[in-house]
C-alpha atoms as a PDB file:
ATOM      1  CA  MET A   1      -2.843  38.299 -38.891  1.00  0.00           C
ATOM      2  CA  LYS A   2       0.925  36.761 -39.035  1.00  0.00           C
ATOM      3  CA  GLU A   3       1.370  37.974 -35.154  1.00  0.00           C
ATOM      4  CA  GLU A   4      -2.005  36.094 -34.154  1.00  0.00           C
ATOM      5  CA  VAL A   5      -1.089  32.756 -35.964  1.00  0.00           C
ATOM      6  CA  ASN A   6       2.656  32.915 -34.465  1.00  0.00           C
ATOM      7  CA  TYR A   7       0.787  32.614 -31.274  1.00  0.00           C
ATOM      8  CA  ILE A   8      -1.820  30.355 -32.057  1.00  0.00           C
ATOM      9  CA  ILE A   9       1.096  28.103 -32.876  1.00  0.00           C
ATOM     10  CA  ILE A  10       2.894  28.832 -29.820  1.00  0.00           C
ATOM     11  CA  GLY A  11      -0.453  28.200 -27.644  1.00  0.00           C
ATOM     12  CA  PHE A  12      -0.903  24.639 -29.143  1.00  0.00           C
ATOM     13  CA  LEU A  13       2.645  23.920 -28.836  1.00  0.00           C
ATOM     14  CA  THR A  14       2.490  24.633 -25.427  1.00  0.00           C
ATOM     15  CA  LEU A  15      -0.525  22.617 -24.617  1.00  0.00           C
ATOM     16  CA  ALA A  16       1.157  19.480 -26.578  1.00  0.00           C
ATOM     17  CA  LEU A  17       3.856  19.879 -24.074  1.00  0.00           C
ATOM     18  CA  ILE A  18       1.908  20.522 -21.353  1.00  0.00           C
ATOM     19  CA  ILE A  19      -0.440  16.728 -22.484  1.00  0.00           C
ATOM     20  CA  ILE A  20       3.112  14.859 -23.464  1.00  0.00           C
ATOM     21  CA  PHE A  21       4.481  16.386 -19.872  1.00  0.00           C
ATOM     22  CA  TYR A  22       1.599  15.329 -17.869  1.00  0.00           C
ATOM     23  CA  LEU A  23       1.455  11.832 -19.383  1.00  0.00           C
ATOM     24  CA  GLY A  24       5.020  11.211 -19.326  1.00  0.00           C
ATOM     25  CA  ILE A  25       4.545  11.623 -15.263  1.00  0.00           C
ATOM     26  CA  SER A  26       4.458   8.178 -13.462  1.00  0.00           C
ATOM     27  CA  GLN A  27       1.123   9.314 -10.844  1.00  0.00           C
ATOM     28  CA  THR A  28       1.675   7.458  -7.286  1.00  0.00           C
ATOM     29  CA  GLU A  29      -1.277   6.986  -4.792  1.00  0.00           C
ATOM     30  CA  THR A  30      -0.209   6.064  -0.817  1.00  0.00           C
ATOM     31  CA  ILE A  31      -2.621   4.561   0.704  1.00  0.00           C
ATOM     32  CA  SER A  32      -1.679   3.305   4.955  1.00  0.00           C
ATOM     33  CA  PHE A  33      -2.885   1.462   7.301  1.00  0.00           C
ATOM     34  CA  LYS A  34      -2.500   1.064  10.796  1.00  0.00           C
ATOM     35  CA  ILE A  35      -1.109  -2.534  11.907  1.00  0.00           C
ATOM     36  CA  ILE A  36      -1.796  -3.157  15.490  1.00  0.00           C
ATOM     37  CA  VAL A  37      -0.977  -6.364  17.536  1.00  0.00           C
ATOM     38  CA  LYS A  38      -1.630  -6.684  21.375  1.00  0.00           C
ATOM     39  CA  VAL A  39       0.536  -9.589  22.790  1.00  0.00           C
ATOM     40  CA  GLY A  40      -0.888 -11.089  25.559  1.00  0.00           C
ATOM     41  CA  ASP A  41      -1.796 -14.735  27.773  1.00  0.00           C
ATOM     42  CA  TYR A  42      -4.682 -15.390  25.654  1.00  0.00           C
ATOM     43  CA  VAL A  43      -5.624 -15.360  22.132  1.00  0.00           C
ATOM     44  CA  GLY A  44      -7.933 -13.422  20.908  1.00  0.00           C
ATOM     45  CA  PHE A  45      -8.905 -11.562  17.025  1.00  0.00           C
ATOM     46  CA  ASN A  46     -10.352  -8.886  15.712  1.00  0.00           C
ATOM     47  CA  VAL A  47     -12.740  -8.324  12.762  1.00  0.00           C
ATOM     48  CA  ASP A  48     -12.059  -4.874  12.422  1.00  0.00           C
ATOM     49  CA  ASN A  49     -11.129  -4.057   8.534  1.00  0.00           C
ATOM     50  CA  THR A  50     -10.024   0.027   8.581  1.00  0.00           C
ATOM     51  CA  THR A  51      -6.739  -1.436  10.302  1.00  0.00           C
ATOM     52  CA  VAL A  52      -4.568  -4.455   9.963  1.00  0.00           C
ATOM     53  CA  ASN A  53      -5.250  -6.067  13.763  1.00  0.00           C
ATOM     54  CA  PHE A  54      -4.049  -8.941  14.706  1.00  0.00           C
ATOM     55  CA  GLY A  55      -6.146  -8.972  17.968  1.00  0.00           C
ATOM     56  CA  THR A  56      -3.644 -10.867  20.886  1.00  0.00           C
ATOM     57  CA  ILE A  57      -1.500 -13.765  20.152  1.00  0.00           C
ATOM     58  CA  LYS A  58       1.128 -15.058  22.869  1.00  0.00           C
ATOM     59  CA  PRO A  59       4.349 -14.225  22.698  1.00  0.00           C
ATOM     60  CA  GLY A  60       5.469 -16.679  20.352  1.00  0.00           C
ATOM     61  CA  GLY A  61       2.844 -17.437  18.391  1.00  0.00           C
ATOM     62  CA  GLU A  62       1.645 -15.943  14.918  1.00  0.00           C
ATOM     63  CA  GLY A  63      -1.204 -14.386  12.873  1.00  0.00           C
ATOM     64  CA  LEU A  64      -2.678 -13.747   9.734  1.00  0.00           C
ATOM     65  CA  ARG A  65      -4.371 -11.382   8.777  1.00  0.00           C
ATOM     66  CA  ASN A  66      -5.640 -11.194   4.406  1.00  0.00           C
ATOM     67  CA  ILE A  67      -6.220  -7.873   2.745  1.00  0.00           C
ATOM     68  CA  THR A  68      -7.650  -7.969  -0.621  1.00  0.00           C
ATOM     69  CA  ILE A  69      -6.199  -5.149  -2.890  1.00  0.00           C
ATOM     70  CA  THR A  70      -8.519  -4.263  -6.251  1.00  0.00           C
ATOM     71  CA  ASN A  71      -7.305  -1.911  -9.001  1.00  0.00           C
ATOM     72  CA  GLY A  72      -9.226   0.745 -10.860  1.00  0.00           C
ATOM     73  CA  LYS A  73      -8.921   1.594 -14.748  1.00  0.00           C
ATOM     74  CA  ALA A  74      -5.399   1.612 -15.008  1.00  0.00           C
ATOM     75  CA  VAL A  75      -2.477  -1.233 -15.210  1.00  0.00           C
ATOM     76  CA  LYS A  76      -0.710  -0.407 -11.641  1.00  0.00           C
ATOM     77  CA  GLU A  77       2.350  -1.045  -9.855  1.00  0.00           C
ATOM     78  CA  VAL A  78       2.016  -1.737  -6.248  1.00  0.00           C
ATOM     79  CA  ILE A  79       4.526  -1.704  -3.613  1.00  0.00           C
ATOM     80  CA  ILE A  80       4.210  -2.995   0.105  1.00  0.00           C
ATOM     81  CA  LYS A  81       5.957  -1.601   2.489  1.00  0.00           C
ATOM     82  CA  VAL A  82       5.451  -2.001   6.251  1.00  0.00           C
ATOM     83  CA  GLU A  83       7.199   0.554   8.680  1.00  0.00           C
ATOM     84  CA  GLY A  84       7.200   0.776  12.470  1.00  0.00           C
ATOM     85  CA  PRO A  85       8.572  -1.202  15.536  1.00  0.00           C
ATOM     86  CA  ILE A  86       7.198  -4.412  14.610  1.00  0.00           C
ATOM     87  CA  LYS A  87       8.114  -4.120  10.599  1.00  0.00           C
ATOM     88  CA  ASP A  88      10.412  -7.313  11.523  1.00  0.00           C
ATOM     89  CA  TRP A  89       7.858  -9.786  12.793  1.00  0.00           C
ATOM     90  CA  ILE A  90       5.861  -9.186   9.562  1.00  0.00           C
ATOM     91  CA  ASN A  91       6.288 -11.093   6.470  1.00  0.00           C
ATOM     92  CA  ILE A  92       4.828 -10.231   2.987  1.00  0.00           C
ATOM     93  CA  ASP A  93       5.557 -13.018   0.466  1.00  0.00           C
ATOM     94  CA  GLU A  94       4.627 -10.518  -2.565  1.00  0.00           C
ATOM     95  CA  LYS A  95       5.789  -7.021  -1.898  1.00  0.00           C
ATOM     96  CA  GLN A  96       6.125  -5.681  -5.355  1.00  0.00           C
ATOM     97  CA  PHE A  97       3.494  -7.004  -8.634  1.00  0.00           C
ATOM     98  CA  ILE A  98       1.688  -5.489 -11.246  1.00  0.00           C
ATOM     99  CA  LEU A  99      -2.248  -5.737 -11.177  1.00  0.00           C
ATOM    100  CA  ASN A 100      -4.116  -4.677 -14.296  1.00  0.00           C
ATOM    101  CA  PRO A 101      -7.310  -2.513 -14.994  1.00  0.00           C
ATOM    102  CA  ASP A 102      -9.999  -4.615 -12.798  1.00  0.00           C
ATOM    103  CA  GLU A 103      -8.500  -6.958 -11.134  1.00  0.00           C
ATOM    104  CA  SER A 104      -7.946  -7.921  -7.907  1.00  0.00           C
ATOM    105  CA  LYS A 105      -5.354  -9.899  -5.745  1.00  0.00           C
ATOM    106  CA  MET A 106      -5.282 -11.310  -1.880  1.00  0.00           C
ATOM    107  CA  LEU A 107      -2.570 -10.502  -0.018  1.00  0.00           C
ATOM    108  CA  PRO A 108      -1.502 -12.760   3.219  1.00  0.00           C
ATOM    109  CA  ILE A 109      -0.040 -10.651   5.701  1.00  0.00           C
ATOM    110  CA  LYS A 110       2.010 -12.858   8.580  1.00  0.00           C
ATOM    111  CA  ILE A 111       3.235 -11.890  11.875  1.00  0.00           C
ATOM    112  CA  LYS A 112       5.360 -13.689  13.987  1.00  0.00           C
ATOM    113  CA  ILE A 113       5.846 -12.885  17.396  1.00  0.00           C
ATOM    114  CA  PRO A 114       9.125 -13.091  19.208  1.00  0.00           C
ATOM    115  CA  ASP A 115       9.227 -15.739  22.436  1.00  0.00           C
ATOM    116  CA  ASN A 116      10.362 -12.465  24.131  1.00  0.00           C
ATOM    117  CA  ALA A 117       8.064 -10.062  23.348  1.00  0.00           C
ATOM    118  CA  GLU A 118       6.756  -7.909  25.942  1.00  0.00           C
ATOM    119  CA  LYS A 119       2.743  -8.116  26.931  1.00  0.00           C
ATOM    120  CA  LYS A 120       2.092  -5.338  25.973  1.00  0.00           C
ATOM    121  CA  GLU A 121       0.171  -3.040  22.101  1.00  0.00           C
ATOM    122  CA  TYR A 122       2.525  -2.819  19.477  1.00  0.00           C
ATOM    123  CA  THR A 123       1.544  -1.230  16.238  1.00  0.00           C
ATOM    124  CA  GLY A 124       3.068  -0.253  13.278  1.00  0.00           C
ATOM    125  CA  GLU A 125       1.792   1.120   9.416  1.00  0.00           C
ATOM    126  CA  LEU A 126       1.448  -0.857   6.100  1.00  0.00           C
ATOM    127  CA  LYS A 127       1.659   1.188   3.321  1.00  0.00           C
ATOM    128  CA  ILE A 128       0.658  -0.030  -0.433  1.00  0.00           C
ATOM    129  CA  ILE A 129       2.131   2.334  -3.591  1.00  0.00           C
ATOM    130  CA  LEU A 130       0.035   2.228  -6.258  1.00  0.00           C
ATOM    131  CA  ARG A 131       2.083   3.694  -9.273  1.00  0.00           C
ATOM    132  CA  SER A 132       1.167   3.862 -12.601  1.00  0.00           C
ATOM    133  CA  ALA A 133       2.535   1.672 -14.642  1.00  0.00           C
END
């Protein structure tokens, strides 16, 4: 009987440690979107909502796309990163912020094409990192 009680106590302690460990771990989710811009002699737009597509922009021109980030039930820290060959062309004013439960935030993403950019399609990647706060 005493041995069974010891096993039960060890089981409860193990379960408690697992729960404490699990709750203490910061859960992170990363969502990635392809960024596309075509540099050309004309201005064109694209309304695709599966990528951050700026359409066609002339050298020296600028573009703007807005994305909305909507949170679920838990407080999240949001970190925005841009990667790829056009990362220096992209400007995002707020790259790190907190979203409360059921809160949404519109995020303007601006692009400035260099005057000497070659006329072709360029791509990059927008990463939205959601971390439990």
